Amino acid sequence: MRLFFLICLVGSIKAVGQDYSPYQNALKEIYQLASNPDSALRANAVEKWWANLREQNQIPLIVEDSVAFLYQGEAKSVMWTGDFNGWGYDKTFDNNGKVIPNTHLWILKKSFPKDARLDYKIVVDGNQILDPENAHQQWSGVGGGSPNSELRMPLWKESQELQENSAVPHGTIKHDILIHSKILGYQVMYSVYLPNGYEKLGKLPVVYVTDGYEYLHPKLGNMATVLDNLIAEKKIKPIAAIFVDHREPINRSNNKRMQELAMNTNYLEFFVKELIPHIEKKYPAAPDATQRAIMGTSMGALTSTYFAFARPDVFGLAVIQSPAFWTKPQIYQLCSGPSNPKMKISMTSGVINDTSKESRKMKEILATSSCEYHYREVNEGHSWGNWRNLIDDVLIDLFAAN
């Protein structure tokens, strides 16, 4: 679990007392080496400089809040794209690399908060590639199909709860269970997590997780590992989790999330009238709104908010991660009634081309209601690297052990 502080993107001003000499010296050295008029000596010296950075895992070169993205290879153009420029949507961010004269080295110098973590790729002559010198990667959705390179600033730390511990007893996971929905007119797939020893625990609090395939995937949310660790450490009560999959069971390339998660009244009715009764009949899930949560990211976070405020008698708890409120601005009106129901909410957002503007607006609404809410911002983007690292925090917010 981490503590979070809001730190805005910084420019080129350096804080007093910080040592930037390794960064400045490394860049000064490469420009000096590249200016050697002897081409053979120059090439050999440049290659040694590059090999030294590679051996020390210093590509990208990061010191304090300064970053030098680096690429070696023949190219007509090299750019870097990622969370820091909204994957190309932020046109004000200069992402064009410059070739170091007399070399095949390309460089882009930037500054980020010292606790930032950002996904990126290199764009070489128009083609996106992973950074070949950076071992850190984070998989991206939808479907969890591909990795991005990962920039990890010096003060960023991965949640320890994401690490599998062989000494911790694992819960039971039952994958790809089908339920036929008369309301939706098609089959829905889900997986269920039950904590270790659930047979003796009686009725359990339960969290219904949208984009469940991704939350469960070890390279994305890795939520089963987080649940195992939190429960074993007695940081949360033993809980059950229902991971709802938006992919069509017989054609999993067809993902219905954009249809199902857009404040869809039929989808809410499916949960209330079909899925929840089915789960409570089949598994030891507590039939109590105060012990029933809805959870999601992006469009799923919009749905979490919609479900909780449209049916507080069903969902008394909600996890809202980087909510896509801009797609359905009427959500603010739904949540801003004078007699908002009392519920517990945990909301998170990144501040680097994520949803902090929309989330802060919702935070102001929650502050005037009877809700108990927790709100966190991190120096990250709209990414599974952001969301997975906060799963322990949001679960503790809602299910802390007494």
Protein backbone atom coordinates (compact mmCIF):
# COMPACT_ATOMS: atom_id res chain seq x y z
CA MET A 1 0.00 0.00 0.00
CA ARG A 2 1.31 3.45 -0.90
CA LEU A 3 0.83 7.03 0.19
CA PHE A 4 0.01 9.48 -2.59
CA PHE A 5 0.68 13.13 -3.10
CA LEU A 6 -0.51 15.29 -6.00
CA ILE A 7 2.55 16.51 -7.87
CA CYS A 8 2.07 18.41 -11.13
CA LEU A 9 4.30 17.87 -14.15
CA VAL A 10 7.44 19.91 -13.82
CA GLY A 11 9.47 21.75 -16.40
CA SER A 12 13.19 22.29 -16.56
CA ILE A 13 13.56 24.00 -13.16
CA LYS A 14 15.62 21.81 -10.85
CA ALA A 15 15.04 21.61 -7.12
CA VAL A 16 17.77 22.93 -4.87
CA GLY A 17 19.86 20.20 -3.23
CA GLN A 18 19.22 17.54 -5.86
CA ASP A 19 22.18 15.97 -7.63
CA TYR A 20 21.79 16.00 -11.40
CA SER A 21 25.49 15.55 -12.12
CA PRO A 22 25.23 11.88 -13.26
CA TYR A 23 22.61 12.92 -15.82
CA GLN A 24 24.47 16.03 -16.97
CA ASN A 25 27.84 14.26 -17.11
CA ALA A 26 26.49 11.31 -19.11
CA LEU A 27 24.94 13.57 -21.74
CA LYS A 28 27.96 15.88 -21.85
CA GLU A 29 30.17 12.83 -22.39
CA ILE A 30 28.22 11.44 -25.33
CA TYR A 31 28.22 14.77 -27.14
CA GLN A 32 31.97 15.05 -26.59
CA LEU A 33 32.58 11.53 -27.84
CA ALA A 34 30.40 12.18 -30.89
CA SER A 35 32.51 15.21 -31.81
CA ASN A 36 35.71 13.16 -32.27
CA PRO A 37 36.86 13.73 -35.89
CA ASP A 38 38.30 10.19 -36.12
CA SER A 39 35.31 8.11 -37.25
CA ALA A 40 36.72 4.78 -36.06
CA LEU A 41 37.64 6.08 -32.60
CA ARG A 42 34.32 7.91 -32.40
CA ALA A 43 32.28 4.82 -33.28
CA ASN A 44 34.17 2.67 -30.76
CA ALA A 45 33.82 5.24 -27.96
CA VAL A 46 30.10 5.79 -28.62
CA GLU A 47 29.47 2.05 -28.57
CA LYS A 48 31.29 1.70 -25.24
CA TRP A 49 29.22 4.54 -23.78
CA TRP A 50 26.02 2.83 -24.96
CA ALA A 51 27.13 -0.58 -23.67
CA ASN A 52 27.94 0.90 -20.26
CA LEU A 53 24.43 2.42 -19.93
CA ARG A 54 22.89 -0.88 -21.05
CA GLU A 55 24.87 -2.91 -18.51
CA GLN A 56 23.72 -0.58 -15.73
CA ASN A 57 20.08 -0.72 -16.90
CA GLN A 58 20.13 3.03 -17.43
CA ILE A 59 18.17 3.20 -20.68
CA PRO A 60 16.14 5.39 -20.46
CA LEU A 61 18.59 7.49 -18.46
CA ILE A 62 16.75 8.67 -15.33
CA VAL A 63 18.16 10.91 -12.62
CA GLU A 64 15.95 12.73 -10.08
CA ASP A 65 13.04 14.07 -12.21
CA SER A 66 14.99 14.14 -15.50
CA VAL A 67 14.69 11.55 -18.26
CA ALA A 68 16.66 11.03 -21.43
CA PHE A 69 14.82 8.63 -23.72
CA LEU A 70 17.41 6.98 -25.97
CA TYR A 71 17.32 4.87 -29.14
CA GLN A 72 20.15 3.44 -31.23
CA GLY A 73 19.59 2.71 -34.91
CA GLU A 74 19.43 4.14 -38.40
CA ALA A 75 16.19 6.03 -38.94
CA LYS A 76 14.70 9.07 -40.63
CA SER A 77 12.62 9.96 -37.59
CA VAL A 78 12.32 8.74 -34.00
CA MET A 79 9.59 9.81 -31.59
CA TRP A 80 8.33 8.67 -28.22
CA THR A 81 4.62 8.29 -27.53
CA GLY A 82 2.75 7.17 -24.43
CA ASP A 83 0.83 8.26 -21.38
CA PHE A 84 2.83 11.50 -21.26
CA ASN A 85 1.32 12.76 -24.54
CA GLY A 86 -1.99 10.91 -24.35
CA TRP A 87 -0.67 8.47 -26.97
CA GLY A 88 -0.63 11.29 -29.50
CA TYR A 89 -3.73 13.22 -28.46
CA ASP A 90 -1.76 15.92 -26.62
CA LYS A 91 -0.30 17.92 -29.51
CA THR A 92 1.40 20.40 -27.16
CA PHE A 93 3.87 17.75 -25.95
CA ASP A 94 7.01 17.76 -28.12
CA ASN A 95 7.81 14.08 -28.55
CA ASN A 96 10.28 14.34 -31.45
CA GLY A 97 13.67 12.84 -30.84
CA LYS A 98 16.87 14.44 -32.12
CA VAL A 99 19.82 12.57 -33.53
CA ILE A 100 23.12 13.12 -31.76
CA PRO A 101 25.44 14.39 -34.53
CA ASN A 102 27.82 11.83 -36.10
CA THR A 103 25.99 8.89 -34.43
CA HIS A 104 22.96 6.67 -34.82
CA LEU A 105 21.78 7.67 -31.34
CA TRP A 106 18.47 9.49 -30.88
CA ILE A 107 17.52 11.39 -27.74
CA LEU A 108 14.45 13.04 -26.19
CA LYS A 109 14.94 14.92 -22.92
CA LYS A 110 11.96 15.36 -20.59
CA SER A 111 11.08 15.93 -16.94
CA PHE A 112 8.43 14.07 -14.92
CA PRO A 113 7.39 13.80 -11.26
CA LYS A 114 9.80 11.60 -9.36
CA ASP A 115 7.08 9.09 -8.41
CA ALA A 116 5.57 8.80 -11.91
CA ARG A 117 5.06 5.55 -13.82
CA LEU A 118 4.16 5.82 -17.49
CA ASP A 119 3.58 3.48 -20.45
CA TYR A 120 5.31 4.34 -23.72
CA LYS A 121 6.56 3.10 -27.07
CA ILE A 122 9.18 4.31 -29.53
CA VAL A 123 7.98 5.36 -32.99
CA VAL A 124 10.70 4.62 -35.56
CA ASP A 125 9.89 5.88 -39.05
CA GLY A 126 6.19 5.70 -38.19
CA ASN A 127 6.27 2.21 -36.64
CA GLN A 128 5.63 1.74 -32.92
CA ILE A 129 8.06 -0.61 -31.16
CA LEU A 130 8.91 -1.56 -27.59
CA ASP A 131 12.04 0.02 -26.19
CA PRO A 132 14.60 -2.74 -26.93
CA GLU A 133 16.83 -1.64 -24.03
CA ASN A 134 14.14 -1.43 -21.32
CA ALA A 135 13.14 -4.67 -19.59
CA HIS A 136 10.22 -3.05 -17.74
CA GLN A 137 6.89 -3.66 -19.47
CA GLN A 138 3.21 -3.29 -18.62
CA TRP A 139 0.44 -5.02 -20.53
CA SER A 140 -2.46 -2.97 -21.82
CA GLY A 141 -6.19 -3.70 -22.36
CA VAL A 142 -8.77 -4.19 -23.89
CA GLY A 143 -8.32 -7.95 -23.89
CA GLY A 144 -4.81 -7.75 -22.43
CA GLY A 145 -3.20 -8.45 -25.75
CA SER A 146 0.03 -6.43 -25.90
CA PRO A 147 2.74 -4.90 -23.72
CA ASN A 148 4.08 -1.36 -23.57
CA SER A 149 7.47 -0.26 -22.32
CA GLU A 150 7.33 1.22 -18.84
CA LEU A 151 9.02 4.33 -17.50
CA ARG A 152 9.58 3.97 -13.76
CA MET A 153 10.71 7.15 -12.05
CA PRO A 154 12.96 6.82 -8.96
CA LEU A 155 10.31 7.17 -6.24
CA TRP A 156 7.68 4.96 -7.86
CA LYS A 157 7.13 1.69 -6.02
CA GLU A 158 5.12 -1.37 -6.99
CA SER A 159 2.58 -2.55 -4.44
CA GLN A 160 3.94 -5.53 -2.52
CA GLU A 161 0.48 -7.08 -2.65
CA LEU A 162 0.96 -7.78 -6.38
CA GLN A 163 3.77 -10.23 -5.60
CA GLU A 164 2.76 -13.86 -5.27
CA ASN A 165 3.87 -15.34 -1.95
CA SER A 166 4.28 -19.12 -1.79
CA ALA A 167 3.63 -19.01 1.95
CA VAL A 168 0.19 -17.43 1.46
CA PRO A 169 -2.76 -19.81 0.94
CA HIS A 170 -4.51 -19.29 -2.38
CA GLY A 171 -8.21 -18.86 -2.83
CA THR A 172 -10.26 -20.98 -5.21
CA ILE A 173 -10.89 -19.61 -8.71
CA LYS A 174 -13.54 -21.07 -11.00
CA HIS A 175 -13.13 -19.79 -14.53
CA ASP A 176 -15.47 -19.08 -17.45
CA ILE A 177 -18.85 -19.95 -15.98
CA LEU A 178 -21.83 -19.21 -18.22
CA ILE A 179 -25.17 -17.70 -17.34
CA HIS A 180 -27.87 -17.19 -19.95
CA SER A 181 -29.53 -13.81 -19.64
CA LYS A 182 -33.11 -13.49 -20.81
CA ILE A 183 -32.88 -9.74 -20.28
CA LEU A 184 -29.81 -9.33 -22.52
CA GLY A 185 -30.70 -12.16 -24.87
CA TYR A 186 -27.28 -13.81 -24.78
CA GLN A 187 -24.86 -15.71 -22.56
CA VAL A 188 -22.58 -13.90 -20.12
CA MET A 189 -19.34 -15.37 -18.85
CA TYR A 190 -17.88 -14.84 -15.38
CA SER A 191 -15.21 -16.23 -13.06
CA VAL A 192 -15.49 -16.46 -9.28
CA TYR A 193 -12.86 -16.10 -6.56
CA LEU A 194 -13.56 -17.64 -3.14
CA PRO A 195 -11.06 -17.16 -0.30
CA ASN A 196 -9.10 -20.00 1.21
CA GLY A 197 -11.28 -21.97 3.66
CA TYR A 198 -14.47 -20.27 2.45
CA GLU A 199 -16.48 -23.39 3.31
CA LYS A 200 -16.19 -22.48 7.00
CA LEU A 201 -16.59 -18.71 6.72
CA GLY A 202 -20.33 -18.38 6.23
CA LYS A 203 -21.79 -15.60 4.08
CA LEU A 204 -19.09 -13.42 2.52
CA PRO A 205 -18.94 -9.79 1.40
CA VAL A 206 -18.73 -9.76 -2.40
CA VAL A 207 -17.33 -7.47 -5.08
CA TYR A 208 -18.71 -7.61 -8.63
CA VAL A 209 -15.89 -6.67 -11.01
CA THR A 210 -16.53 -5.29 -14.49
CA ASP A 211 -13.82 -5.94 -17.10
CA GLY A 212 -13.32 -9.01 -14.96
CA TYR A 213 -11.10 -10.83 -17.43
CA GLU A 214 -8.58 -8.00 -17.25
CA TYR A 215 -8.77 -7.50 -13.48
CA LEU A 216 -8.10 -11.23 -13.08
CA HIS A 217 -5.32 -11.49 -15.69
CA PRO A 218 -1.90 -11.80 -13.96
CA LYS A 219 -0.29 -9.29 -16.37
CA LEU A 220 -3.09 -6.77 -15.95
CA GLY A 221 -5.02 -6.46 -12.67
CA ASN A 222 -3.60 -9.60 -11.01
CA MET A 223 -6.41 -9.19 -8.49
CA ALA A 224 -6.53 -12.78 -7.24
CA THR A 225 -2.97 -12.42 -5.92
CA VAL A 226 -3.89 -9.12 -4.24
CA LEU A 227 -6.92 -10.75 -2.62
CA ASP A 228 -4.87 -13.71 -1.37
CA ASN A 229 -2.28 -11.41 0.20
CA LEU A 230 -4.68 -8.92 1.76
CA ILE A 231 -6.82 -11.66 3.30
CA ALA A 232 -3.79 -13.59 4.61
CA GLU A 233 -2.35 -10.41 6.13
CA LYS A 234 -5.74 -9.64 7.69
CA LYS A 235 -5.84 -6.26 5.99
CA ILE A 236 -9.31 -7.03 4.63
CA LYS A 237 -12.10 -9.42 5.56
CA PRO A 238 -12.33 -12.62 3.53
CA ILE A 239 -14.42 -11.69 0.50
CA ALA A 240 -15.71 -13.29 -2.68
CA ALA A 241 -15.16 -11.68 -6.10
CA ILE A 242 -17.22 -12.14 -9.26
CA PHE A 243 -15.23 -11.23 -12.37
CA VAL A 244 -17.72 -10.45 -15.14
CA ASP A 245 -16.35 -10.93 -18.66
CA HIS A 246 -17.67 -8.72 -21.47
CA ARG A 247 -16.28 -10.93 -24.22
CA GLU A 248 -18.63 -13.14 -26.20
CA PRO A 249 -18.02 -16.72 -24.98
CA ILE A 250 -17.80 -18.29 -28.45
CA ASN A 251 -16.02 -15.33 -30.08
CA ARG A 252 -13.80 -13.71 -27.49
CA SER A 253 -12.51 -11.11 -29.91
CA ASN A 254 -16.01 -9.59 -29.69
CA ASN A 255 -15.95 -7.47 -26.54
CA LYS A 256 -19.30 -5.88 -25.62
CA ARG A 257 -17.90 -3.55 -22.93
CA MET A 258 -18.61 -0.31 -24.78
CA GLN A 259 -22.25 -1.36 -25.13
CA GLU A 260 -22.70 -2.91 -21.69
CA LEU A 261 -20.84 -0.29 -19.67
CA ALA A 262 -22.37 2.90 -21.10
CA MET A 263 -24.99 3.43 -18.35
CA ASN A 264 -26.96 0.55 -19.89
CA THR A 265 -30.27 0.07 -18.05
CA ASN A 266 -30.68 -3.47 -19.38
CA TYR A 267 -27.23 -4.38 -18.10
CA LEU A 268 -28.12 -3.05 -14.65
CA GLU A 269 -31.35 -5.04 -14.75
CA PHE A 270 -29.37 -8.15 -15.70
CA PHE A 271 -27.20 -7.72 -12.60
CA VAL A 272 -30.09 -7.04 -10.25
CA LYS A 273 -32.61 -9.61 -11.49
CA GLU A 274 -30.43 -12.39 -12.87
CA LEU A 275 -26.73 -12.34 -11.99
CA ILE A 276 -26.89 -11.44 -8.29
CA PRO A 277 -29.72 -13.92 -7.47
CA HIS A 278 -27.79 -16.58 -9.40
CA ILE A 279 -24.56 -15.86 -7.47
CA GLU A 280 -26.27 -15.78 -4.09
CA LYS A 281 -27.96 -19.09 -4.78
CA LYS A 282 -24.77 -20.78 -5.95
CA TYR A 283 -22.10 -19.24 -3.70
CA PRO A 284 -21.87 -17.97 -0.09
CA ALA A 285 -22.40 -14.30 -1.00
CA ALA A 286 -24.01 -12.07 1.64
CA PRO A 287 -27.43 -10.78 0.47
CA ASP A 288 -26.85 -7.31 1.88
CA ALA A 289 -26.16 -4.06 0.00
CA THR A 290 -23.73 -2.91 2.71
CA GLN A 291 -21.56 -5.94 1.88
CA ARG A 292 -21.96 -5.82 -1.90
CA ALA A 293 -19.59 -3.77 -4.09
CA ILE A 294 -19.38 -2.91 -7.77
CA MET A 295 -15.92 -2.20 -9.22
CA GLY A 296 -14.47 -1.02 -12.52
CA THR A 297 -12.01 1.07 -14.52
CA SER A 298 -12.73 3.68 -17.20
CA MET A 299 -16.12 2.72 -18.70
CA GLY A 300 -16.40 0.15 -15.94
CA ALA A 301 -15.88 2.93 -13.39
CA LEU A 302 -18.70 4.88 -15.02
CA THR A 303 -20.83 1.78 -14.60
CA SER A 304 -19.78 1.35 -10.96
CA THR A 305 -20.95 4.89 -10.26
CA TYR A 306 -24.18 4.41 -12.21
CA PHE A 307 -25.02 1.09 -10.55
CA ALA A 308 -24.34 2.41 -7.03
CA PHE A 309 -26.35 5.63 -7.37
CA ALA A 310 -29.15 4.16 -9.47
CA ARG A 311 -29.60 1.19 -7.10
CA PRO A 312 -28.13 1.98 -3.66
CA ASP A 313 -30.45 -0.65 -2.25
CA VAL A 314 -28.38 -3.21 -4.18
CA PHE A 315 -24.85 -1.77 -4.15
CA GLY A 316 -23.73 -0.04 -0.97
CA LEU A 317 -20.05 -0.04 -1.99
CA ALA A 318 -18.32 1.13 -5.18
CA VAL A 319 -14.77 1.22 -6.59
CA ILE A 320 -14.29 3.86 -9.30
CA GLN A 321 -10.91 3.84 -11.09
CA SER A 322 -10.20 6.48 -13.77
CA PRO A 323 -13.89 6.94 -14.59
CA ALA A 324 -14.96 7.74 -18.15
CA PHE A 325 -17.49 10.33 -16.97
CA TRP A 326 -16.93 12.46 -20.08
CA THR A 327 -18.80 9.86 -22.14
CA LYS A 328 -21.99 10.27 -20.07
CA PRO A 329 -21.98 13.67 -18.31
CA GLN A 330 -25.51 13.03 -17.01
CA ILE A 331 -23.84 10.86 -14.36
CA TYR A 332 -23.12 14.03 -12.36
CA GLN A 333 -26.81 14.84 -12.10
CA LEU A 334 -27.62 11.30 -11.00
CA CYS A 335 -25.08 11.59 -8.16
CA SER A 336 -25.91 15.12 -7.03
CA GLY A 337 -29.41 14.64 -5.58
CA PRO A 338 -30.10 16.38 -2.25
CA SER A 339 -30.69 13.09 -0.45
CA ASN A 340 -27.83 10.96 -1.71
CA PRO A 341 -27.84 7.53 -0.07
CA LYS A 342 -25.15 6.67 2.43
CA MET A 343 -22.57 4.39 0.82
CA LYS A 344 -18.84 3.79 0.75
CA ILE A 345 -16.92 4.83 -2.34
CA SER A 346 -13.24 4.57 -3.27
CA MET A 347 -12.21 6.59 -6.32
CA THR A 348 -8.80 6.90 -7.99
CA SER A 349 -7.34 8.71 -10.98
CA GLY A 350 -4.06 9.45 -12.64
CA VAL A 351 -3.11 13.09 -13.24
CA ILE A 352 -1.14 12.60 -16.47
CA ASN A 353 -3.65 12.52 -19.34
CA ASP A 354 -6.11 10.53 -17.25
CA THR A 355 -9.44 11.48 -15.67
CA SER A 356 -8.45 13.75 -12.77
CA LYS A 357 -10.56 16.67 -14.06
CA GLU A 358 -13.73 14.57 -14.17
CA SER A 359 -12.87 12.73 -10.95
CA ARG A 360 -12.33 15.96 -9.02
CA LYS A 361 -15.74 17.19 -10.16
CA MET A 362 -17.31 13.99 -8.82
CA LYS A 363 -15.28 14.34 -5.62
CA GLU A 364 -16.88 17.74 -5.02
CA ILE A 365 -20.32 16.16 -5.43
CA LEU A 366 -19.48 13.34 -3.03
CA ALA A 367 -18.20 15.85 -0.48
CA THR A 368 -21.70 17.38 -0.22
CA SER A 369 -23.42 14.01 0.17
CA SER A 370 -23.72 11.51 2.98
CA CYS A 371 -21.28 9.16 1.24
CA GLU A 372 -18.11 7.97 2.92
CA TYR A 373 -15.54 8.37 0.20
CA HIS A 374 -11.81 8.00 -0.36
CA TYR A 375 -10.03 9.72 -3.25
CA ARG A 376 -6.48 9.20 -4.54
CA GLU A 377 -4.50 10.71 -7.38
CA VAL A 378 -1.23 9.34 -8.74
CA ASN A 379 1.31 10.58 -11.27
CA GLU A 380 0.30 8.05 -13.89
CA GLY A 381 -1.87 7.72 -16.98
CA HIS A 382 -4.91 5.74 -18.12
CA SER A 383 -3.25 2.37 -17.73
CA TRP A 384 -3.38 -0.99 -16.01
CA GLY A 385 -0.07 -0.09 -14.41
CA ASN A 386 -1.96 2.67 -12.59
CA TRP A 387 -5.04 0.62 -11.67
CA ARG A 388 -3.36 -2.60 -10.55
CA ASN A 389 -1.09 -0.77 -8.12
CA LEU A 390 -4.11 0.71 -6.32
CA ILE A 391 -6.26 -2.43 -6.02
CA ASP A 392 -5.00 -3.09 -2.48
CA ASP A 393 -5.84 0.46 -1.40
CA VAL A 394 -9.38 0.48 -2.75
CA LEU A 395 -10.17 -2.94 -1.29
CA ILE A 396 -8.91 -1.87 2.12
CA ASP A 397 -11.08 1.26 1.87
CA LEU A 398 -14.22 -0.86 1.48
CA PHE A 399 -13.46 -4.15 3.21
CA ALA A 400 -10.93 -3.36 5.95
CA ALA A 401 -10.73 -5.99 8.64
CA ASN A 402 -12.07 -4.74 11.96
